[in-house]
């Protein structure tokens, strides 16, 4: 199976990604999902740094995936395709922000950036 390069945009920035033959539609759907999640976090206005936006968006997507998998009688792909993305509950948002703060503290202590 061969791989080709595909240029995509996420939050206005270009990325060159490897894409296996026949996987372009799935990769573009994933890129669109990540772009939407990152733009949603950015547009909320509280977080400005791209790396923090990416981490919070990843946590949001993982939470949605886990929540969908836990739903009785539905598989994860069906749940994520059939339902509009659920608004994050205030308690979940607070937990995600706490995780982000802990990540920032750990990276700061190491003197590293994401």
PDB file of N, CA and C in Angstrom:
ATOM      1  N   UNK A   1       0.858  -1.177   0.000  1.00  0.00           N
ATOM      2  CA  UNK A   1       0.000   0.000   0.000  1.00  0.00           C
ATOM      3  C   UNK A   1       0.905   1.241   0.000  1.00  0.00           C
ATOM      4  N   UNK A   2       0.640   2.159  -0.900  1.00  0.00           N
ATOM      5  CA  UNK A   2       1.463   3.363  -0.978  1.00  0.00           C
ATOM      6  C   UNK A   2       0.813   4.514  -0.216  1.00  0.00           C
ATOM      7  N   UNK A   3       1.644   5.507   0.067  1.00  0.00           N
ATOM      8  CA  UNK A   3       1.190   6.674   0.806  1.00  0.00           C
ATOM      9  C   UNK A   3       1.464   7.907  -0.030  1.00  0.00           C
ATOM     10  N   UNK A   4       0.511   8.831  -0.051  1.00  0.00           N
ATOM     11  CA  UNK A   4       0.737  10.087  -0.745  1.00  0.00           C
ATOM     12  C   UNK A   4       0.642  11.231   0.247  1.00  0.00           C
ATOM     13  N   UNK A   5       1.149  12.378  -0.146  1.00  0.00           N
ATOM     14  CA  UNK A   5       1.121  13.567   0.692  1.00  0.00           C
ATOM     15  C   UNK A   5      -0.160  14.349   0.412  1.00  0.00           C
ATOM     16  N   UNK A   6      -0.755  14.863   1.470  1.00  0.00           N
ATOM     17  CA  UNK A   6      -1.980  15.638   1.339  1.00  0.00           C
ATOM     18  C   UNK A   6      -1.821  16.907   2.168  1.00  0.00           C
ATOM     19  N   UNK A   7      -2.002  18.059   1.553  1.00  0.00           N
ATOM     20  CA  UNK A   7      -1.915  19.327   2.279  1.00  0.00           C
ATOM     21  C   UNK A   7      -3.297  19.704   2.781  1.00  0.00           C
ATOM     22  N   UNK A   8      -3.368  20.004   4.083  1.00  0.00           N
ATOM     23  CA  UNK A   8      -4.637  20.364   4.711  1.00  0.00           C
ATOM     24  C   UNK A   8      -4.452  21.641   5.514  1.00  0.00           C
ATOM     25  N   UNK A   9      -5.553  22.244   5.895  1.00  0.00           N
ATOM     26  CA  UNK A   9      -5.540  23.446   6.736  1.00  0.00           C
ATOM     27  C   UNK A   9      -6.295  23.141   8.019  1.00  0.00           C
ATOM     28  N   UNK A  10      -5.652  23.479   9.140  1.00  0.00           N
ATOM     29  CA  UNK A  10      -6.309  23.374  10.441  1.00  0.00           C
ATOM     30  C   UNK A  10      -6.126  24.714  11.131  1.00  0.00           C
ATOM     31  N   UNK A  11      -7.214  25.351  11.439  1.00  0.00           N
ATOM     32  CA  UNK A  11      -7.223  26.663  12.076  1.00  0.00           C
ATOM     33  C   UNK A  11      -6.342  27.651  11.309  1.00  0.00           C
ATOM     34  N   UNK A  12      -6.438  27.590   9.976  1.00  0.00           N
ATOM     35  CA  UNK A  12      -5.730  28.529   9.129  1.00  0.00           C
ATOM     36  C   UNK A  12      -4.265  28.219   8.885  1.00  0.00           C
ATOM     37  N   UNK A  13      -3.748  27.129   9.426  1.00  0.00           N
ATOM     38  CA  UNK A  13      -2.353  26.766   9.237  1.00  0.00           C
ATOM     39  C   UNK A  13      -2.265  25.508   8.381  1.00  0.00           C
ATOM     40  N   UNK A  14      -1.327  25.508   7.439  1.00  0.00           N
ATOM     41  CA  UNK A  14      -1.158  24.368   6.531  1.00  0.00           C
ATOM     42  C   UNK A  14      -0.346  23.258   7.176  1.00  0.00           C
ATOM     43  N   UNK A  15      -0.750  22.027   6.891  1.00  0.00           N
ATOM     44  CA  UNK A  15      -0.025  20.841   7.343  1.00  0.00           C
ATOM     45  C   UNK A  15       0.069  19.886   6.163  1.00  0.00           C
ATOM     46  N   UNK A  16       1.202  19.234   6.004  1.00  0.00           N
ATOM     47  CA  UNK A  16       1.400  18.224   4.978  1.00  0.00           C
ATOM     48  C   UNK A  16       1.360  16.869   5.673  1.00  0.00           C
ATOM     49  N   UNK A  17       0.356  16.060   5.329  1.00  0.00           N
ATOM     50  CA  UNK A  17       0.137  14.783   6.007  1.00  0.00           C
ATOM     51  C   UNK A  17       0.299  13.625   5.036  1.00  0.00           C
ATOM     52  N   UNK A  18       0.799  12.519   5.549  1.00  0.00           N
ATOM     53  CA  UNK A  18       0.834  11.295   4.764  1.00  0.00           C
ATOM     54  C   UNK A  18      -0.548  10.664   4.774  1.00  0.00           C
ATOM     55  N   UNK A  19      -0.961  10.169   3.624  1.00  0.00           N
ATOM     56  CA  UNK A  19      -2.296   9.590   3.504  1.00  0.00           C
ATOM     57  C   UNK A  19      -2.213   8.305   2.689  1.00  0.00           C
ATOM     58  N   UNK A  20      -2.628   7.169   3.262  1.00  0.00           N
ATOM     59  CA  UNK A  20      -2.608   5.918   2.497  1.00  0.00           C
ATOM     60  C   UNK A  20      -3.643   5.950   1.378  1.00  0.00           C
ATOM     61  N   UNK A  21      -3.378   5.193   0.322  1.00  0.00           N
ATOM     62  CA  UNK A  21      -4.328   5.099  -0.779  1.00  0.00           C
ATOM     63  C   UNK A  21      -5.694   4.678  -0.249  1.00  0.00           C
ATOM     64  N   UNK A  22      -6.725   5.347  -0.699  1.00  0.00           N
ATOM     65  CA  UNK A  22      -8.083   5.036  -0.284  1.00  0.00           C
ATOM     66  C   UNK A  22      -8.481   5.662   1.042  1.00  0.00           C
ATOM     67  N   UNK A  23      -7.580   6.374   1.690  1.00  0.00           N
ATOM     68  CA  UNK A  23      -7.882   6.949   2.994  1.00  0.00           C
ATOM     69  C   UNK A  23      -8.138   8.444   2.978  1.00  0.00           C
ATOM     70  N   UNK A  24      -8.155   9.042   1.799  1.00  0.00           N
ATOM     71  CA  UNK A  24      -8.283  10.499   1.709  1.00  0.00           C
ATOM     72  C   UNK A  24      -9.585  11.018   2.319  1.00  0.00           C
ATOM     73  N   UNK A  25     -10.699  10.385   2.047  1.00  0.00           N
ATOM     74  CA  UNK A  25     -11.983  10.862   2.576  1.00  0.00           C
ATOM     75  C   UNK A  25     -12.002  10.801   4.104  1.00  0.00           C
ATOM     76  N   UNK A  26     -11.489   9.708   4.672  1.00  0.00           N
ATOM     77  CA  UNK A  26     -11.460   9.577   6.136  1.00  0.00           C
ATOM     78  C   UNK A  26     -10.518  10.598   6.755  1.00  0.00           C
ATOM     79  N   UNK A  27      -9.361  10.807   6.113  1.00  0.00           N
ATOM     80  CA  UNK A  27      -8.410  11.782   6.643  1.00  0.00           C
ATOM     81  C   UNK A  27      -8.999  13.185   6.581  1.00  0.00           C
ATOM     82  N   UNK A  28      -9.638  13.538   5.480  1.00  0.00           N
ATOM     83  CA  UNK A  28     -10.240  14.866   5.361  1.00  0.00           C
ATOM     84  C   UNK A  28     -11.375  15.055   6.373  1.00  0.00           C
ATOM     85  N   UNK A  29     -12.128  13.997   6.639  1.00  0.00           N
ATOM     86  CA  UNK A  29     -13.187  14.087   7.653  1.00  0.00           C
ATOM     87  C   UNK A  29     -12.572  14.314   9.039  1.00  0.00           C
ATOM     88  N   UNK A  30     -11.467  13.623   9.327  1.00  0.00           N
ATOM     89  CA  UNK A  30     -10.788  13.802  10.621  1.00  0.00           C
ATOM     90  C   UNK A  30     -10.216  15.213  10.729  1.00  0.00           C
ATOM     91  N   UNK A  31      -9.624  15.705   9.662  1.00  0.00           N
ATOM     92  CA  UNK A  31      -9.075  17.066   9.653  1.00  0.00           C
ATOM     93  C   UNK A  31     -10.187  18.076   9.906  1.00  0.00           C
ATOM     94  N   UNK A  32     -11.332  17.878   9.253  1.00  0.00           N
ATOM     95  CA  UNK A  32     -12.462  18.788   9.441  1.00  0.00           C
ATOM     96  C   UNK A  32     -12.944  18.766  10.890  1.00  0.00           C
ATOM     97  N   UNK A  33     -12.991  17.590  11.481  1.00  0.00           N
ATOM     98  CA  UNK A  33     -13.439  17.458  12.871  1.00  0.00           C
ATOM     99  C   UNK A  33     -12.473  18.172  13.820  1.00  0.00           C
ATOM    100  N   UNK A  34     -11.173  17.988  13.602  1.00  0.00           N
ATOM    101  CA  UNK A  34     -10.167  18.640  14.440  1.00  0.00           C
ATOM    102  C   UNK A  34     -10.219  20.158  14.242  1.00  0.00           C
ATOM    103  N   UNK A  35     -10.350  20.598  12.999  1.00  0.00           N
ATOM    104  CA  UNK A  35     -10.426  22.034  12.711  1.00  0.00           C
ATOM    105  C   UNK A  35     -11.636  22.656  13.410  1.00  0.00           C
ATOM    106  N   UNK A  36     -12.780  22.001  13.313  1.00  0.00           N
ATOM    107  CA  UNK A  36     -13.981  22.517  13.974  1.00  0.00           C
ATOM    108  C   UNK A  36     -13.811  22.568  15.488  1.00  0.00           C
ATOM    109  N   UNK A  37     -13.221  21.520  16.064  1.00  0.00           N
ATOM    110  CA  UNK A  37     -13.029  21.477  17.518  1.00  0.00           C
ATOM    111  C   UNK A  37     -12.077  22.575  17.973  1.00  0.00           C
ATOM    112  N   UNK A  38     -10.989  22.788  17.231  1.00  0.00           N
ATOM    113  CA  UNK A  38     -10.024  23.823  17.608  1.00  0.00           C
ATOM    114  C   UNK A  38     -10.622  25.219  17.440  1.00  0.00           C
ATOM    115  N   UNK A  39     -11.355  25.438  16.362  1.00  0.00           N
ATOM    116  CA  UNK A  39     -11.986  26.749  16.149  1.00  0.00           C
ATOM    117  C   UNK A  39     -13.029  27.038  17.225  1.00  0.00           C
ATOM    118  N   UNK A  40     -13.742  26.008  17.659  1.00  0.00           N
ATOM    119  CA  UNK A  40     -14.743  26.179  18.722  1.00  0.00           C
ATOM    120  C   UNK A  40     -14.073  26.624  20.017  1.00  0.00           C
ATOM    121  N   UNK A  41     -12.949  26.002  20.363  1.00  0.00           N
ATOM    122  CA  UNK A  41     -12.212  26.392  21.571  1.00  0.00           C
ATOM    123  C   UNK A  41     -11.679  27.810  21.417  1.00  0.00           C
ATOM    124  N   UNK A  42     -11.075  28.101  20.269  1.00  0.00           N
ATOM    125  CA  UNK A  42     -10.530  29.439  20.012  1.00  0.00           C
ATOM    126  C   UNK A  42     -11.626  30.495  20.075  1.00  0.00           C
ATOM    127  N   UNK A  43     -12.762  30.220  19.475  1.00  0.00           N
ATOM    128  CA  UNK A  43     -13.852  31.190  19.405  1.00  0.00           C
ATOM    129  C   UNK A  43     -14.518  31.426  20.758  1.00  0.00           C
ATOM    130  N   UNK A  44     -14.331  30.490  21.692  1.00  0.00           N
ATOM    131  CA  UNK A  44     -14.854  30.703  23.047  1.00  0.00           C
ATOM    132  C   UNK A  44     -14.131  31.865  23.709  1.00  0.00           C
ATOM    133  N   UNK A  45     -12.922  32.181  23.228  1.00  0.00           N
ATOM    134  CA  UNK A  45     -12.229  33.395  23.624  1.00  0.00           C
ATOM    135  C   UNK A  45     -11.365  33.341  24.857  1.00  0.00           C
ATOM    136  N   UNK A  46     -11.371  32.249  25.589  1.00  0.00           N
ATOM    137  CA  UNK A  46     -10.601  32.199  26.833  1.00  0.00           C
ATOM    138  C   UNK A  46      -9.151  31.792  26.606  1.00  0.00           C
ATOM    139  N   UNK A  47      -8.896  31.036  25.553  1.00  0.00           N
ATOM    140  CA  UNK A  47      -7.560  30.493  25.317  1.00  0.00           C
ATOM    141  C   UNK A  47      -7.047  31.030  23.986  1.00  0.00           C
ATOM    142  N   UNK A  48      -5.831  31.540  24.002  1.00  0.00           N
ATOM    143  CA  UNK A  48      -5.252  32.138  22.792  1.00  0.00           C
ATOM    144  C   UNK A  48      -4.133  31.315  22.176  1.00  0.00           C
ATOM    145  N   UNK A  49      -3.357  30.609  22.992  1.00  0.00           N
ATOM    146  CA  UNK A  49      -2.201  29.867  22.492  1.00  0.00           C
ATOM    147  C   UNK A  49      -2.652  28.634  21.710  1.00  0.00           C
ATOM    148  N   UNK A  50      -2.099  28.472  20.507  1.00  0.00           N
ATOM    149  CA  UNK A  50      -2.480  27.371  19.619  1.00  0.00           C
ATOM    150  C   UNK A  50      -2.255  26.006  20.277  1.00  0.00           C
ATOM    151  N   UNK A  51      -1.161  25.858  21.025  1.00  0.00           N
ATOM    152  CA  UNK A  51      -0.893  24.566  21.653  1.00  0.00           C
ATOM    153  C   UNK A  51      -1.936  24.234  22.712  1.00  0.00           C
ATOM    154  N   UNK A  52      -2.357  25.214  23.462  1.00  0.00           N
ATOM    155  CA  UNK A  52      -3.387  24.979  24.478  1.00  0.00           C
ATOM    156  C   UNK A  52      -4.741  24.702  23.825  1.00  0.00           C
ATOM    157  N   UNK A  53      -5.024  25.408  22.740  1.00  0.00           N
ATOM    158  CA  UNK A  53      -6.257  25.153  21.994  1.00  0.00           C
ATOM    159  C   UNK A  53      -6.261  23.713  21.495  1.00  0.00           C
ATOM    160  N   UNK A  54      -5.128  23.259  20.975  1.00  0.00           N
ATOM    161  CA  UNK A  54      -5.032  21.893  20.451  1.00  0.00           C
ATOM    162  C   UNK A  54      -5.253  20.858  21.553  1.00  0.00           C
ATOM    163  N   UNK A  55      -4.651  21.082  22.716  1.00  0.00           N
ATOM    164  CA  UNK A  55      -4.814  20.134  23.820  1.00  0.00           C
ATOM    165  C   UNK A  55      -6.265  20.087  24.274  1.00  0.00           C
ATOM    166  N   UNK A  56      -6.881  21.240  24.454  1.00  0.00           N
ATOM    167  CA  UNK A  56      -8.267  21.266  24.910  1.00  0.00           C
ATOM    168  C   UNK A  56      -9.196  20.665  23.855  1.00  0.00           C
ATOM    169  N   UNK A  57      -8.953  20.950  22.587  1.00  0.00           N
ATOM    170  CA  UNK A  57      -9.767  20.360  21.520  1.00  0.00           C
ATOM    171  C   UNK A  57      -9.612  18.841  21.510  1.00  0.00           C
ATOM    172  N   UNK A  58      -8.388  18.350  21.690  1.00  0.00           N
ATOM    173  CA  UNK A  58      -8.153  16.904  21.736  1.00  0.00           C
ATOM    174  C   UNK A  58      -8.887  16.272  22.915  1.00  0.00           C
ATOM    175  N   UNK A  59      -8.847  16.937  24.057  1.00  0.00           N
ATOM    176  CA  UNK A  59      -9.571  16.426  25.220  1.00  0.00           C
ATOM    177  C   UNK A  59     -11.079  16.411  24.964  1.00  0.00           C
ATOM    178  N   UNK A  60     -11.586  17.463  24.337  1.00  0.00           N
ATOM    179  CA  UNK A  60     -13.009  17.511  24.015  1.00  0.00           C
ATOM    180  C   UNK A  60     -13.400  16.364  23.083  1.00  0.00           C
ATOM    181  N   UNK A  61     -12.592  16.140  22.034  1.00  0.00           N
ATOM    182  CA  UNK A  61     -12.886  15.066  21.086  1.00  0.00           C
ATOM    183  C   UNK A  61     -12.801  13.699  21.759  1.00  0.00           C
ATOM    184  N   UNK A  62     -11.793  13.508  22.597  1.00  0.00           N
ATOM    185  CA  UNK A  62     -11.657  12.230  23.306  1.00  0.00           C
ATOM    186  C   UNK A  62     -12.837  12.017  24.252  1.00  0.00           C
ATOM    187  N   UNK A  63     -13.260  13.081  24.928  1.00  0.00           N
ATOM    188  CA  UNK A  63     -14.398  12.975  25.832  1.00  0.00           C
ATOM    189  C   UNK A  63     -15.661  12.605  25.047  1.00  0.00           C
ATOM    190  N   UNK A  64     -15.882  13.269  23.911  1.00  0.00           N
ATOM    191  CA  UNK A  64     -17.053  12.958  23.089  1.00  0.00           C
ATOM    192  C   UNK A  64     -17.008  11.512  22.610  1.00  0.00           C
ATOM    193  N   UNK A  65     -15.815  11.046  22.210  1.00  0.00           N
ATOM    194  CA  UNK A  65     -15.668   9.671  21.739  1.00  0.00           C
ATOM    195  C   UNK A  65     -15.956   8.681  22.862  1.00  0.00           C
ATOM    196  N   UNK A  66     -15.409   8.935  24.031  1.00  0.00           N
ATOM    197  CA  UNK A  66     -15.630   8.067  25.184  1.00  0.00           C
ATOM    198  C   UNK A  66     -17.098   8.059  25.582  1.00  0.00           C
ATOM    199  N   UNK A  67     -17.716   9.243  25.564  1.00  0.00           N
ATOM    200  CA  UNK A  67     -19.129   9.361  25.897  1.00  0.00           C
ATOM    201  C   UNK A  67     -19.985   8.593  24.899  1.00  0.00           C
ATOM    202  N   UNK A  68     -19.644   8.695  23.620  1.00  0.00           N
ATOM    203  CA  UNK A  68     -20.391   7.993  22.582  1.00  0.00           C
ATOM    204  C   UNK A  68     -20.252   6.476  22.732  1.00  0.00           C
ATOM    205  N   UNK A  69     -19.041   6.035  23.078  1.00  0.00           N
ATOM    206  CA  UNK A  69     -18.813   4.595  23.257  1.00  0.00           C
ATOM    207  C   UNK A  69     -19.589   4.047  24.454  1.00  0.00           C
ATOM    208  N   UNK A  70     -19.781   4.899  25.447  1.00  0.00           N
ATOM    209  CA  UNK A  70     -20.491   4.467  26.654  1.00  0.00           C
ATOM    210  C   UNK A  70     -22.008   4.427  26.456  1.00  0.00           C
ATOM    211  N   UNK A  71     -22.493   5.079  25.415  1.00  0.00           N
ATOM    212  CA  UNK A  71     -23.933   5.099  25.160  1.00  0.00           C
ATOM    213  C   UNK A  71     -24.433   3.688  24.871  1.00  0.00           C
ATOM    214  N   UNK A  72     -25.482   3.313  25.510  1.00  0.00           N
ATOM    215  CA  UNK A  72     -26.029   1.969  25.342  1.00  0.00           C
ATOM    216  C   UNK A  72     -26.604   1.777  23.950  1.00  0.00           C
ATOM    217  N   UNK A  73     -26.223   0.662  23.319  1.00  0.00           N
ATOM    218  CA  UNK A  73     -26.802   0.286  22.041  1.00  0.00           C
ATOM    219  C   UNK A  73     -26.276   1.013  20.823  1.00  0.00           C
ATOM    220  N   UNK A  74     -25.276   1.882  20.972  1.00  0.00           N
ATOM    221  CA  UNK A  74     -24.722   2.552  19.796  1.00  0.00           C
ATOM    222  C   UNK A  74     -23.225   2.395  19.789  1.00  0.00           C
ATOM    223  N   UNK A  75     -22.688   2.220  18.578  1.00  0.00           N
ATOM    224  CA  UNK A  75     -21.231   2.180  18.453  1.00  0.00           C
ATOM    225  C   UNK A  75     -20.725   3.596  18.299  1.00  0.00           C
ATOM    226  N   UNK A  76     -19.455   3.829  18.549  1.00  0.00           N
ATOM    227  CA  UNK A  76     -18.872   5.172  18.502  1.00  0.00           C
ATOM    228  C   UNK A  76     -19.057   5.854  17.152  1.00  0.00           C
ATOM    229  N   UNK A  77     -18.780   5.191  16.015  1.00  0.00           N
ATOM    230  CA  UNK A  77     -18.949   5.897  14.738  1.00  0.00           C
ATOM    231  C   UNK A  77     -20.387   6.321  14.484  1.00  0.00           C
ATOM    232  N   UNK A  78     -21.362   5.454  14.837  1.00  0.00           N
ATOM    233  CA  UNK A  78     -22.759   5.821  14.624  1.00  0.00           C
ATOM    234  C   UNK A  78     -23.143   7.015  15.483  1.00  0.00           C
ATOM    235  N   UNK A  79     -22.720   7.019  16.722  1.00  0.00           N
ATOM    236  CA  UNK A  79     -23.092   8.089  17.647  1.00  0.00           C
ATOM    237  C   UNK A  79     -22.495   9.417  17.210  1.00  0.00           C
ATOM    238  N   UNK A  80     -21.252   9.425  16.746  1.00  0.00           N
ATOM    239  CA  UNK A  80     -20.625  10.693  16.386  1.00  0.00           C
ATOM    240  C   UNK A  80     -21.147  11.213  15.062  1.00  0.00           C
ATOM    241  N   UNK A  81     -21.621  10.315  14.182  1.00  0.00           N
ATOM    242  CA  UNK A  81     -22.123  10.770  12.895  1.00  0.00           C
ATOM    243  C   UNK A  81     -23.588  11.179  12.953  1.00  0.00           C
ATOM    244  N   UNK A  82     -24.363  10.560  13.835  1.00  0.00           N
ATOM    245  CA  UNK A  82     -25.795  10.800  13.822  1.00  0.00           C
ATOM    246  C   UNK A  82     -26.228  11.963  14.699  1.00  0.00           C
ATOM    247  N   UNK A  83     -25.436  12.339  15.662  1.00  0.00           N
ATOM    248  CA  UNK A  83     -25.829  13.388  16.598  1.00  0.00           C
ATOM    249  C   UNK A  83     -24.990  14.631  16.394  1.00  0.00           C
ATOM    250  N   UNK A  84     -25.601  15.765  16.644  1.00  0.00           N
ATOM    251  CA  UNK A  84     -24.839  17.010  16.662  1.00  0.00           C
ATOM    252  C   UNK A  84     -23.893  16.957  17.848  1.00  0.00           C
ATOM    253  N   UNK A  85     -22.691  17.576  17.726  1.00  0.00           N
ATOM    254  CA  UNK A  85     -21.790  17.574  18.884  1.00  0.00           C
ATOM    255  C   UNK A  85     -22.487  18.181  20.092  1.00  0.00           C
ATOM    256  N   UNK A  86     -22.448  17.460  21.199  1.00  0.00           N
ATOM    257  CA  UNK A  86     -23.101  17.927  22.415  1.00  0.00           C
ATOM    258  C   UNK A  86     -22.311  19.063  23.032  1.00  0.00           C
ATOM    259  N   UNK A  87     -23.032  20.013  23.590  1.00  0.00           N
ATOM    260  CA  UNK A  87     -22.364  21.108  24.302  1.00  0.00           C
ATOM    261  C   UNK A  87     -21.709  20.517  25.544  1.00  0.00           C
ATOM    262  N   UNK A  88     -20.539  20.986  25.830  1.00  0.00           N
ATOM    263  CA  UNK A  88     -19.826  20.477  26.984  1.00  0.00           C
ATOM    264  C   UNK A  88     -20.475  21.035  28.249  1.00  0.00           C
ATOM    265  N   UNK A  89     -20.788  20.138  29.168  1.00  0.00           N
ATOM    266  CA  UNK A  89     -21.387  20.535  30.434  1.00  0.00           C
ATOM    267  C   UNK A  89     -20.406  21.404  31.205  1.00  0.00           C
ATOM    268  N   UNK A  90     -20.914  22.272  32.058  1.00  0.00           N
ATOM    269  CA  UNK A  90     -20.057  23.159  32.847  1.00  0.00           C
ATOM    270  C   UNK A  90     -19.084  22.363  33.705  1.00  0.00           C
ATOM    271  N   UNK A  91     -19.550  21.269  34.301  1.00  0.00           N
ATOM    272  CA  UNK A  91     -18.662  20.460  35.143  1.00  0.00           C
ATOM    273  C   UNK A  91     -17.568  19.803  34.310  1.00  0.00           C
ATOM    274  N   UNK A  92     -17.911  19.352  33.102  1.00  0.00           N
ATOM    275  CA  UNK A  92     -16.915  18.752  32.223  1.00  0.00           C
ATOM    276  C   UNK A  92     -15.911  19.802  31.751  1.00  0.00           C
ATOM    277  N   UNK A  93     -16.403  20.999  31.441  1.00  0.00           N
ATOM    278  CA  UNK A  93     -15.524  22.086  31.019  1.00  0.00           C
ATOM    279  C   UNK A  93     -14.546  22.429  32.140  1.00  0.00           C
ATOM    280  N   UNK A  94     -15.043  22.451  33.371  1.00  0.00           N
ATOM    281  CA  UNK A  94     -14.177  22.750  34.509  1.00  0.00           C
ATOM    282  C   UNK A  94     -13.115  21.668  34.671  1.00  0.00           C
ATOM    283  N   UNK A  95     -13.491  20.401  34.497  1.00  0.00           N
ATOM    284  CA  UNK A  95     -12.516  19.304  34.588  1.00  0.00           C
ATOM    285  C   UNK A  95     -11.469  19.419  33.494  1.00  0.00           C
ATOM    286  N   UNK A  96     -11.892  19.749  32.277  1.00  0.00           N
ATOM    287  CA  UNK A  96     -10.950  19.898  31.172  1.00  0.00           C
ATOM    288  C   UNK A  96      -9.996  21.060  31.421  1.00  0.00           C
ATOM    289  N   UNK A  97     -10.510  22.163  31.944  1.00  0.00           N
ATOM    290  CA  UNK A  97      -9.650  23.307  32.239  1.00  0.00           C
ATOM    291  C   UNK A  97      -8.656  22.972  33.347  1.00  0.00           C
ATOM    292  N   UNK A  98      -9.081  22.182  34.339  1.00  0.00           N
ATOM    293  CA  UNK A  98      -8.177  21.754  35.397  1.00  0.00           C
ATOM    294  C   UNK A  98      -7.067  20.870  34.828  1.00  0.00           C
ATOM    295  N   UNK A  99      -7.424  19.954  33.929  1.00  0.00           N
ATOM    296  CA  UNK A  99      -6.417  19.122  33.280  1.00  0.00           C
ATOM    297  C   UNK A  99      -5.431  19.974  32.484  1.00  0.00           C
ATOM    298  N   UNK A 100      -5.941  20.980  31.799  1.00  0.00           N
ATOM    299  CA  UNK A 100      -5.078  21.869  31.030  1.00  0.00           C
ATOM    300  C   UNK A 100      -4.136  22.637  31.951  1.00  0.00           C
ATOM    301  N   UNK A 101      -4.635  23.089  33.092  1.00  0.00           N
ATOM    302  CA  UNK A 101      -3.783  23.792  34.061  1.00  0.00           C
ATOM    303  C   UNK A 101      -2.683  22.875  34.578  1.00  0.00           C
ATOM    304  N   UNK A 102      -3.028  21.625  34.877  1.00  0.00           N
ATOM    305  CA  UNK A 102      -2.033  20.668  35.352  1.00  0.00           C
ATOM    306  C   UNK A 102      -0.982  20.413  34.278  1.00  0.00           C
ATOM    307  N   UNK A 103      -1.411  20.311  33.033  1.00  0.00           N
ATOM    308  CA  UNK A 103      -0.476  20.124  31.928  1.00  0.00           C
ATOM    309  C   UNK A 103       0.452  21.320  31.818  1.00  0.00           C
ATOM    310  N   UNK A 104      -0.104  22.527  31.899  1.00  0.00           N
ATOM    311  CA  UNK A 104       0.720  23.744  31.852  1.00  0.00           C
ATOM    312  C   UNK A 104       1.743  23.761  32.975  1.00  0.00           C
ATOM    313  N   UNK A 105       1.336  23.372  34.191  1.00  0.00           N
ATOM    314  CA  UNK A 105       2.249  23.356  35.334  1.00  0.00           C
ATOM    315  C   UNK A 105       3.374  22.350  35.116  1.00  0.00           C
ATOM    316  N   UNK A 106       3.027  21.166  34.618  1.00  0.00           N
ATOM    317  CA  UNK A 106       4.046  20.152  34.397  1.00  0.00           C
ATOM    318  C   UNK A 106       5.044  20.597  33.329  1.00  0.00           C
ATOM    319  N   UNK A 107       4.544  21.191  32.260  1.00  0.00           N
ATOM    320  CA  UNK A 107       5.443  21.655  31.206  1.00  0.00           C
ATOM    321  C   UNK A 107       6.289  22.830  31.688  1.00  0.00           C
ATOM    322  N   UNK A 108       5.717  23.700  32.481  1.00  0.00           N
ATOM    323  CA  UNK A 108       6.463  24.834  32.994  1.00  0.00           C
ATOM    324  C   UNK A 108       7.584  24.370  33.922  1.00  0.00           C
ATOM    325  N   UNK A 109       7.291  23.389  34.753  1.00  0.00           N
ATOM    326  CA  UNK A 109       8.290  22.869  35.677  1.00  0.00           C
ATOM    327  C   UNK A 109       9.471  22.259  34.924  1.00  0.00           C
ATOM    328  N   UNK A 110       9.205  21.646  33.791  1.00  0.00           N
ATOM    329  CA  UNK A 110      10.265  21.072  32.989  1.00  0.00           C
ATOM    330  C   UNK A 110      10.952  22.093  32.102  1.00  0.00           C
ATOM    331  N   UNK A 111      10.387  23.304  32.051  1.00  0.00           N
ATOM    332  CA  UNK A 111      10.947  24.349  31.202  1.00  0.00           C
ATOM    333  C   UNK A 111      10.774  24.048  29.724  1.00  0.00           C
ATOM    334  N   UNK A 112       9.685  23.323  29.395  1.00  0.00           N
ATOM    335  CA  UNK A 112       9.447  22.930  28.011  1.00  0.00           C
ATOM    336  C   UNK A 112       8.151  23.555  27.517  1.00  0.00           C
ATOM    337  N   UNK A 113       8.051  23.688  26.218  1.00  0.00           N
ATOM    338  CA  UNK A 113       6.818  24.101  25.558  1.00  0.00           C
ATOM    339  C   UNK A 113       6.275  22.943  24.765  1.00  0.00           C
ATOM    340  N   UNK A 114       4.992  22.946  24.533  1.00  0.00           N
ATOM    341  CA  UNK A 114       4.387  21.891  23.714  1.00  0.00           C
ATOM    342  C   UNK A 114       4.855  22.078  22.294  1.00  0.00           C
TER     343      UNK A 114
END
